[in-house]
Amino acid sequence: MDVANEPHLVEIVAALKEITARISSAETLPAAVEDLIKVTADLLPADVTCGVTLVTHGEPATFTANDLAPELLDEARFAGGDGPCMDSVRGHDIVLSQDLGPETRWPVWTASARRQGIRSVLAYPFDVDPLTLGALTVYARRAQAFAGDVPLIAMLVADHASLLLRVRLRQLIQDEQRMQVVEAPAGDAAIERAVGIVMAQRGCPPAQALRHLHDAATHLGVGLPAVAERLVRTVGDRGGTAT
């Protein structure tokens, strides 16, 4: 890489501040990831681009990228889950190939990458919460591209995004739970009463009470209404009341 074209430290710091501002104000997790990609892509050299993959337990992987074909990004669908990004997510480790020409790992994915003009790849893992893992993957159109500041940028952005996305996701969940409590339809009387029971038992606000119910539903593998009805029935059988 031409050292003169590498981002200056001031540019990197400014980009991290912009990432902070965008993620902190994003309306959804996908929107936050899209903003992350936009800022990171502007920070990288012209022949280098990037993508983010998120894997949530029990759900298909989702991905966002700047000008990259789905065949390259969606390793689960197009390469049987065998690719640098999924390797990074599964192993929670950095995955690097400086030259995809002789690369023998991920044969299906590598063949597709070569067709797309990609010559080297770097995947850096991060986590959003215990159930949501991800990787920031950087793709270059020339071999031996990952020298100078590019690996450092990937590390800084991934680590920074991990913390920010975790905090923002928690905020979005709490906001959604508050709305569910405030805007619960009349047919959800059992949930409303269950929230009241948990609030009385634990001395917590409505959002936290609802979160306890969601956690219980997840743990038991049943729906929220079933957990609410069971709690209301149990308290009723014991002669308890919700306030």
C-alpha atoms as a PDB file:
ATOM      1  CA  MET A   1       0.000   0.000   0.000  1.00  0.00           C
ATOM      2  CA  ASP A   2       1.134   3.522  -0.708  1.00  0.00           C
ATOM      3  CA  VAL A   3       1.840   4.923   2.755  1.00  0.00           C
ATOM      4  CA  ALA A   4       0.910   8.388   1.550  1.00  0.00           C
ATOM      5  CA  ASN A   5      -2.623   7.132   0.845  1.00  0.00           C
ATOM      6  CA  GLU A   6      -3.146   5.536   4.259  1.00  0.00           C
ATOM      7  CA  PRO A   7      -5.626   7.252   6.591  1.00  0.00           C
ATOM      8  CA  HIS A   8      -4.048   9.658   9.029  1.00  0.00           C
ATOM      9  CA  LEU A   9      -4.602   9.041  12.743  1.00  0.00           C
ATOM     10  CA  VAL A  10      -6.824  12.129  12.879  1.00  0.00           C
ATOM     11  CA  GLU A  11      -9.044  10.645  10.127  1.00  0.00           C
ATOM     12  CA  ILE A  12      -9.335   7.355  12.006  1.00  0.00           C
ATOM     13  CA  VAL A  13     -10.319   9.099  15.238  1.00  0.00           C
ATOM     14  CA  ALA A  14     -12.853  11.251  13.365  1.00  0.00           C
ATOM     15  CA  ALA A  15     -14.338   8.127  11.738  1.00  0.00           C
ATOM     16  CA  LEU A  16     -14.686   6.384  15.106  1.00  0.00           C
ATOM     17  CA  LYS A  17     -16.496   9.450  16.465  1.00  0.00           C
ATOM     18  CA  GLU A  18     -18.837   9.412  13.472  1.00  0.00           C
ATOM     19  CA  ILE A  19     -19.503   5.704  13.963  1.00  0.00           C
ATOM     20  CA  THR A  20     -20.352   6.428  17.596  1.00  0.00           C
ATOM     21  CA  ALA A  21     -22.803   9.165  16.640  1.00  0.00           C
ATOM     22  CA  ARG A  22     -24.508   7.146  13.899  1.00  0.00           C
ATOM     23  CA  ILE A  23     -24.906   3.917  15.871  1.00  0.00           C
ATOM     24  CA  SER A  24     -26.096   5.780  18.974  1.00  0.00           C
ATOM     25  CA  SER A  25     -28.934   7.391  16.990  1.00  0.00           C
ATOM     26  CA  ALA A  26     -29.831   4.466  14.701  1.00  0.00           C
ATOM     27  CA  GLU A  27     -33.499   3.425  14.772  1.00  0.00           C
ATOM     28  CA  THR A  28     -32.749  -0.289  14.240  1.00  0.00           C
ATOM     29  CA  LEU A  29     -29.803  -2.662  14.446  1.00  0.00           C
ATOM     30  CA  PRO A  30     -29.656  -3.109  10.620  1.00  0.00           C
ATOM     31  CA  ALA A  31     -29.587   0.674  10.199  1.00  0.00           C
ATOM     32  CA  ALA A  32     -26.720   0.889  12.689  1.00  0.00           C
ATOM     33  CA  VAL A  33     -24.755  -1.731  10.748  1.00  0.00           C
ATOM     34  CA  GLU A  34     -25.391   0.061   7.452  1.00  0.00           C
ATOM     35  CA  ASP A  35     -24.019   3.289   8.910  1.00  0.00           C
ATOM     36  CA  LEU A  36     -21.019   1.390  10.234  1.00  0.00           C
ATOM     37  CA  ILE A  37     -20.285   0.062   6.743  1.00  0.00           C
ATOM     38  CA  LYS A  38     -20.618   3.485   5.115  1.00  0.00           C
ATOM     39  CA  VAL A  39     -18.155   5.164   7.463  1.00  0.00           C
ATOM     40  CA  THR A  40     -15.675   2.281   7.378  1.00  0.00           C
ATOM     41  CA  ALA A  41     -15.728   2.061   3.572  1.00  0.00           C
ATOM     42  CA  ASP A  42     -14.838   5.758   3.323  1.00  0.00           C
ATOM     43  CA  LEU A  43     -11.882   5.135   5.610  1.00  0.00           C
ATOM     44  CA  LEU A  44     -10.405   2.298   3.537  1.00  0.00           C
ATOM     45  CA  PRO A  45      -8.274   2.571   0.356  1.00  0.00           C
ATOM     46  CA  ALA A  46     -10.118   2.658  -2.964  1.00  0.00           C
ATOM     47  CA  ASP A  47      -9.382  -0.990  -3.863  1.00  0.00           C
ATOM     48  CA  VAL A  48     -10.554  -2.280  -0.469  1.00  0.00           C
ATOM     49  CA  THR A  49     -14.171  -2.713   0.623  1.00  0.00           C
ATOM     50  CA  CYS A  50     -15.924  -4.274   3.578  1.00  0.00           C
ATOM     51  CA  GLY A  51     -18.968  -6.115   4.864  1.00  0.00           C
ATOM     52  CA  VAL A  52     -20.515  -7.113   8.178  1.00  0.00           C
ATOM     53  CA  THR A  53     -22.158 -10.448   8.921  1.00  0.00           C
ATOM     54  CA  LEU A  54     -24.326 -11.053  11.984  1.00  0.00           C
ATOM     55  CA  VAL A  55     -25.257 -14.529  13.172  1.00  0.00           C
ATOM     56  CA  THR A  56     -28.043 -14.853  15.741  1.00  0.00           C
ATOM     57  CA  HIS A  57     -28.654 -18.177  17.455  1.00  0.00           C
ATOM     58  CA  GLY A  58     -31.322 -20.143  15.628  1.00  0.00           C
ATOM     59  CA  GLU A  59     -31.699 -17.675  12.755  1.00  0.00           C
ATOM     60  CA  PRO A  60     -30.093 -17.329   9.293  1.00  0.00           C
ATOM     61  CA  ALA A  61     -27.055 -15.081   9.033  1.00  0.00           C
ATOM     62  CA  THR A  62     -27.650 -11.525   7.866  1.00  0.00           C
ATOM     63  CA  PHE A  63     -25.123  -9.392   6.050  1.00  0.00           C
ATOM     64  CA  THR A  64     -24.578  -5.822   4.955  1.00  0.00           C
ATOM     65  CA  ALA A  65     -21.874  -4.571   2.633  1.00  0.00           C
ATOM     66  CA  ASN A  66     -20.657  -1.823   0.390  1.00  0.00           C
ATOM     67  CA  ASP A  67     -20.845  -2.836  -3.299  1.00  0.00           C
ATOM     68  CA  LEU A  68     -20.293  -6.578  -2.906  1.00  0.00           C
ATOM     69  CA  ALA A  69     -22.185  -9.422  -4.575  1.00  0.00           C
ATOM     70  CA  PRO A  70     -24.407 -11.715  -2.440  1.00  0.00           C
ATOM     71  CA  GLU A  71     -22.404 -14.697  -3.737  1.00  0.00           C
ATOM     72  CA  LEU A  72     -19.403 -13.282  -1.925  1.00  0.00           C
ATOM     73  CA  LEU A  73     -21.160 -12.227   1.267  1.00  0.00           C
ATOM     74  CA  ASP A  74     -23.719 -14.945   1.929  1.00  0.00           C
ATOM     75  CA  GLU A  75     -21.331 -17.778   2.729  1.00  0.00           C
ATOM     76  CA  ALA A  76     -24.083 -19.821   4.356  1.00  0.00           C
ATOM     77  CA  ARG A  77     -26.226 -19.881   1.212  1.00  0.00           C
ATOM     78  CA  PHE A  78     -23.645 -19.939  -1.575  1.00  0.00           C
ATOM     79  CA  ALA A  79     -20.710 -21.784   0.025  1.00  0.00           C
ATOM     80  CA  GLY A  80     -22.317 -24.078   2.541  1.00  0.00           C
ATOM     81  CA  GLY A  81     -21.119 -21.905   5.416  1.00  0.00           C
ATOM     82  CA  ASP A  82     -17.503 -22.485   4.405  1.00  0.00           C
ATOM     83  CA  GLY A  83     -15.771 -19.114   4.107  1.00  0.00           C
ATOM     84  CA  PRO A  84     -13.504 -16.678   5.949  1.00  0.00           C
ATOM     85  CA  CYS A  85     -16.302 -14.720   7.595  1.00  0.00           C
ATOM     86  CA  MET A  86     -18.107 -17.762   9.010  1.00  0.00           C
ATOM     87  CA  ASP A  87     -14.752 -19.216  10.090  1.00  0.00           C
ATOM     88  CA  SER A  88     -14.087 -15.998  11.985  1.00  0.00           C
ATOM     89  CA  VAL A  89     -17.525 -16.023  13.626  1.00  0.00           C
ATOM     90  CA  ARG A  90     -17.356 -19.704  14.590  1.00  0.00           C
ATOM     91  CA  GLY A  91     -13.789 -19.577  15.884  1.00  0.00           C
ATOM     92  CA  HIS A  92     -14.076 -16.043  17.256  1.00  0.00           C
ATOM     93  CA  ASP A  93     -10.663 -15.412  15.771  1.00  0.00           C
ATOM     94  CA  ILE A  94      -9.040 -13.324  13.045  1.00  0.00           C
ATOM     95  CA  VAL A  95      -9.010 -15.008   9.628  1.00  0.00           C
ATOM     96  CA  LEU A  96      -6.581 -13.777   6.981  1.00  0.00           C
ATOM     97  CA  SER A  97      -5.646 -14.744   3.442  1.00  0.00           C
ATOM     98  CA  GLN A  98      -3.153 -12.407   1.788  1.00  0.00           C
ATOM     99  CA  ASP A  99      -3.429 -14.211  -1.553  1.00  0.00           C
ATOM    100  CA  LEU A 100      -6.505 -16.121  -2.698  1.00  0.00           C
ATOM    101  CA  GLY A 101      -4.629 -17.413  -5.757  1.00  0.00           C
ATOM    102  CA  PRO A 102      -3.096 -20.442  -4.018  1.00  0.00           C
ATOM    103  CA  GLU A 103      -5.653 -20.499  -1.181  1.00  0.00           C
ATOM    104  CA  THR A 104      -6.939 -24.027  -0.439  1.00  0.00           C
ATOM    105  CA  ARG A 105      -9.396 -23.192   2.331  1.00  0.00           C
ATOM    106  CA  TRP A 106     -13.066 -22.584   1.429  1.00  0.00           C
ATOM    107  CA  PRO A 107     -12.775 -23.841  -2.197  1.00  0.00           C
ATOM    108  CA  VAL A 108     -16.311 -22.880  -3.253  1.00  0.00           C
ATOM    109  CA  TRP A 109     -16.160 -19.425  -1.711  1.00  0.00           C
ATOM    110  CA  THR A 110     -12.619 -18.771  -2.957  1.00  0.00           C
ATOM    111  CA  ALA A 111     -13.577 -19.618  -6.541  1.00  0.00           C
ATOM    112  CA  SER A 112     -16.472 -17.164  -6.320  1.00  0.00           C
ATOM    113  CA  ALA A 113     -14.218 -14.500  -4.801  1.00  0.00           C
ATOM    114  CA  ARG A 114     -11.717 -14.849  -7.640  1.00  0.00           C
ATOM    115  CA  ARG A 115     -14.524 -14.436 -10.172  1.00  0.00           C
ATOM    116  CA  GLN A 116     -15.559 -11.257  -8.378  1.00  0.00           C
ATOM    117  CA  GLY A 117     -12.002  -9.935  -8.600  1.00  0.00           C
ATOM    118  CA  ILE A 118     -11.165 -10.341  -4.905  1.00  0.00           C
ATOM    119  CA  ARG A 119      -7.559 -11.296  -4.235  1.00  0.00           C
ATOM    120  CA  SER A 120      -7.208 -11.108  -0.429  1.00  0.00           C
ATOM    121  CA  VAL A 121      -9.519 -11.130   2.605  1.00  0.00           C
ATOM    122  CA  LEU A 122      -9.389 -10.314   6.314  1.00  0.00           C
ATOM    123  CA  ALA A 123     -12.202 -11.136   8.785  1.00  0.00           C
ATOM    124  CA  TYR A 124     -12.247  -9.710  12.298  1.00  0.00           C
ATOM    125  CA  PRO A 125     -14.796 -11.115  14.797  1.00  0.00           C
ATOM    126  CA  PHE A 126     -16.923  -9.261  17.331  1.00  0.00           C
ATOM    127  CA  ASP A 127     -19.994  -9.909  19.461  1.00  0.00           C
ATOM    128  CA  VAL A 128     -23.131  -7.860  19.995  1.00  0.00           C
ATOM    129  CA  ASP A 129     -24.596  -9.945  22.820  1.00  0.00           C
ATOM    130  CA  PRO A 130     -24.277 -13.579  23.965  1.00  0.00           C
ATOM    131  CA  LEU A 131     -26.650 -14.714  21.193  1.00  0.00           C
ATOM    132  CA  THR A 132     -25.524 -12.419  18.375  1.00  0.00           C
ATOM    133  CA  LEU A 133     -22.031 -12.785  16.931  1.00  0.00           C
ATOM    134  CA  GLY A 134     -20.542 -11.030  13.955  1.00  0.00           C
ATOM    135  CA  ALA A 135     -17.505 -10.298  11.846  1.00  0.00           C
ATOM    136  CA  LEU A 136     -16.225  -7.289   9.967  1.00  0.00           C
ATOM    137  CA  THR A 137     -14.737  -8.640   6.731  1.00  0.00           C
ATOM    138  CA  VAL A 138     -12.431  -6.596   4.523  1.00  0.00           C
ATOM    139  CA  TYR A 139     -11.974  -7.563   0.867  1.00  0.00           C
ATOM    140  CA  ALA A 140      -9.174  -6.323  -1.400  1.00  0.00           C
ATOM    141  CA  ARG A 141      -8.754  -6.481  -5.166  1.00  0.00           C
ATOM    142  CA  ARG A 142      -5.042  -7.207  -4.944  1.00  0.00           C
ATOM    143  CA  ALA A 143      -2.899  -9.724  -3.107  1.00  0.00           C
ATOM    144  CA  GLN A 144      -0.842  -8.746  -0.072  1.00  0.00           C
ATOM    145  CA  ALA A 145      -3.161  -5.794   0.534  1.00  0.00           C
ATOM    146  CA  PHE A 146      -3.357  -6.109   4.294  1.00  0.00           C
ATOM    147  CA  ALA A 147      -0.337  -4.178   5.446  1.00  0.00           C
ATOM    148  CA  GLY A 148       0.017  -0.735   6.942  1.00  0.00           C
ATOM    149  CA  ASP A 149      -3.084   0.573   8.689  1.00  0.00           C
ATOM    150  CA  VAL A 150      -5.797  -1.601   7.120  1.00  0.00           C
ATOM    151  CA  PRO A 151      -5.621  -4.419   9.730  1.00  0.00           C
ATOM    152  CA  LEU A 152      -5.480  -1.809  12.484  1.00  0.00           C
ATOM    153  CA  ILE A 153      -8.556  -0.062  11.095  1.00  0.00           C
ATOM    154  CA  ALA A 154     -10.450  -3.375  10.960  1.00  0.00           C
ATOM    155  CA  MET A 155      -9.530  -4.138  14.565  1.00  0.00           C
ATOM    156  CA  LEU A 156     -10.441  -0.666  15.866  1.00  0.00           C
ATOM    157  CA  VAL A 157     -13.737  -0.520  13.987  1.00  0.00           C
ATOM    158  CA  ALA A 158     -14.798  -4.056  14.967  1.00  0.00           C
ATOM    159  CA  ASP A 159     -13.965  -3.606  18.653  1.00  0.00           C
ATOM    160  CA  HIS A 160     -15.549  -0.149  18.743  1.00  0.00           C
ATOM    161  CA  ALA A 161     -18.676  -1.350  16.937  1.00  0.00           C
ATOM    162  CA  SER A 162     -19.026  -4.351  19.231  1.00  0.00           C
ATOM    163  CA  LEU A 163     -19.450  -2.160  22.297  1.00  0.00           C
ATOM    164  CA  LEU A 164     -21.660   0.405  20.565  1.00  0.00           C
ATOM    165  CA  LEU A 165     -23.958  -2.156  18.934  1.00  0.00           C
ATOM    166  CA  ARG A 166     -24.337  -3.992  22.229  1.00  0.00           C
ATOM    167  CA  VAL A 167     -25.379  -0.818  24.034  1.00  0.00           C
ATOM    168  CA  ARG A 168     -27.661   0.347  21.216  1.00  0.00           C
ATOM    169  CA  LEU A 169     -29.349  -3.050  20.875  1.00  0.00           C
ATOM    170  CA  ARG A 170     -30.077  -3.053  24.601  1.00  0.00           C
ATOM    171  CA  GLN A 171     -31.559   0.440  24.330  1.00  0.00           C
ATOM    172  CA  LEU A 172     -33.719  -0.534  21.353  1.00  0.00           C
ATOM    173  CA  ILE A 173     -35.008  -3.631  23.150  1.00  0.00           C
ATOM    174  CA  GLN A 174     -35.846  -1.592  26.230  1.00  0.00           C
ATOM    175  CA  ASP A 175     -37.636   1.017  24.110  1.00  0.00           C
ATOM    176  CA  GLU A 176     -39.645  -1.689  22.379  1.00  0.00           C
ATOM    177  CA  GLN A 177     -40.557  -3.284  25.685  1.00  0.00           C
ATOM    178  CA  ARG A 178     -41.730   0.052  27.088  1.00  0.00           C
ATOM    179  CA  MET A 179     -43.938   0.521  24.041  1.00  0.00           C
ATOM    180  CA  GLN A 180     -45.332  -2.970  24.446  1.00  0.00           C
ATOM    181  CA  VAL A 181     -46.305  -2.171  28.019  1.00  0.00           C
ATOM    182  CA  VAL A 182     -47.744   1.245  27.214  1.00  0.00           C
ATOM    183  CA  GLU A 183     -49.512   0.195  24.021  1.00  0.00           C
ATOM    184  CA  ALA A 184     -50.581  -3.320  24.976  1.00  0.00           C
ATOM    185  CA  PRO A 185     -53.978  -4.076  23.382  1.00  0.00           C
ATOM    186  CA  ALA A 186     -56.999  -4.869  25.478  1.00  0.00           C
ATOM    187  CA  GLY A 187     -56.678  -8.543  24.573  1.00  0.00           C
ATOM    188  CA  ASP A 188     -53.366  -8.769  26.421  1.00  0.00           C
ATOM    189  CA  ALA A 189     -54.895  -8.413  29.868  1.00  0.00           C
ATOM    190  CA  ALA A 190     -52.982 -11.459  31.109  1.00  0.00           C
ATOM    191  CA  ILE A 191     -49.665  -9.926  30.040  1.00  0.00           C
ATOM    192  CA  GLU A 192     -50.569  -6.606  31.653  1.00  0.00           C
ATOM    193  CA  ARG A 193     -51.486  -8.353  34.905  1.00  0.00           C
ATOM    194  CA  ALA A 194     -48.351 -10.513  34.759  1.00  0.00           C
ATOM    195  CA  VAL A 195     -46.236  -7.381  34.350  1.00  0.00           C
ATOM    196  CA  GLY A 196     -47.944  -5.942  37.413  1.00  0.00           C
ATOM    197  CA  ILE A 197     -47.241  -9.121  39.379  1.00  0.00           C
ATOM    198  CA  VAL A 198     -43.549  -9.080  38.479  1.00  0.00           C
ATOM    199  CA  MET A 199     -43.325  -5.359  39.296  1.00  0.00           C
ATOM    200  CA  ALA A 200     -44.815  -6.031  42.726  1.00  0.00           C
ATOM    201  CA  GLN A 201     -42.644  -9.079  43.364  1.00  0.00           C
ATOM    202  CA  ARG A 202     -39.368  -7.556  42.210  1.00  0.00           C
ATOM    203  CA  GLY A 203     -39.947  -3.863  42.782  1.00  0.00           C
ATOM    204  CA  CYS A 204     -38.944  -3.066  39.203  1.00  0.00           C
ATOM    205  CA  PRO A 205     -40.313  -0.776  36.448  1.00  0.00           C
ATOM    206  CA  PRO A 206     -42.620  -2.071  33.671  1.00  0.00           C
ATOM    207  CA  ALA A 207     -39.879  -2.490  31.035  1.00  0.00           C
ATOM    208  CA  GLN A 208     -37.765  -4.618  33.340  1.00  0.00           C
ATOM    209  CA  ALA A 209     -40.782  -6.662  34.428  1.00  0.00           C
ATOM    210  CA  LEU A 210     -41.629  -7.378  30.805  1.00  0.00           C
ATOM    211  CA  ARG A 211     -38.030  -8.323  30.135  1.00  0.00           C
ATOM    212  CA  HIS A 212     -38.212 -10.878  32.967  1.00  0.00           C
ATOM    213  CA  LEU A 213     -41.303 -12.374  31.327  1.00  0.00           C
ATOM    214  CA  HIS A 214     -39.581 -12.501  27.929  1.00  0.00           C
ATOM    215  CA  ASP A 215     -36.565 -14.206  29.521  1.00  0.00           C
ATOM    216  CA  ALA A 216     -38.825 -16.773  31.153  1.00  0.00           C
ATOM    217  CA  ALA A 217     -40.608 -17.427  27.861  1.00  0.00           C
ATOM    218  CA  THR A 218     -37.296 -17.951  26.092  1.00  0.00           C
ATOM    219  CA  HIS A 219     -36.038 -20.254  28.834  1.00  0.00           C
ATOM    220  CA  LEU A 220     -39.214 -22.346  28.826  1.00  0.00           C
ATOM    221  CA  GLY A 221     -39.534 -22.365  25.050  1.00  0.00           C
ATOM    222  CA  VAL A 222     -43.105 -21.066  25.048  1.00  0.00           C
ATOM    223  CA  GLY A 223     -44.782 -17.833  24.010  1.00  0.00           C
ATOM    224  CA  LEU A 224     -45.080 -14.743  26.186  1.00  0.00           C
ATOM    225  CA  PRO A 225     -48.895 -15.077  26.545  1.00  0.00           C
ATOM    226  CA  ALA A 226     -48.509 -18.624  27.883  1.00  0.00           C
ATOM    227  CA  VAL A 227     -45.967 -17.498  30.487  1.00  0.00           C
ATOM    228  CA  ALA A 228     -48.197 -14.587  31.500  1.00  0.00           C
ATOM    229  CA  GLU A 229     -51.279 -16.783  31.869  1.00  0.00           C
ATOM    230  CA  ARG A 230     -49.314 -19.347  33.881  1.00  0.00           C
ATOM    231  CA  LEU A 231     -48.031 -16.681  36.258  1.00  0.00           C
ATOM    232  CA  VAL A 232     -51.450 -15.100  36.713  1.00  0.00           C
ATOM    233  CA  ARG A 233     -53.009 -18.520  37.347  1.00  0.00           C
ATOM    234  CA  THR A 234     -50.289 -19.482  39.847  1.00  0.00           C
ATOM    235  CA  VAL A 235     -50.672 -16.255  41.802  1.00  0.00           C
ATOM    236  CA  GLY A 236     -54.444 -16.654  41.750  1.00  0.00           C
ATOM    237  CA  ASP A 237     -54.197 -20.217  43.063  1.00  0.00           C
ATOM    238  CA  ARG A 238     -52.019 -18.996  45.901  1.00  0.00           C
ATOM    239  CA  GLY A 239     -54.417 -16.224  46.760  1.00  0.00           C
ATOM    240  CA  GLY A 240     -51.944 -13.538  45.685  1.00  0.00           C
ATOM    241  CA  THR A 241     -52.918 -10.278  44.048  1.00  0.00           C
ATOM    242  CA  ALA A 242     -51.223  -7.965  41.610  1.00  0.00           C
ATOM    243  CA  THR A 243     -51.023  -4.301  42.338  1.00  0.00           C
END
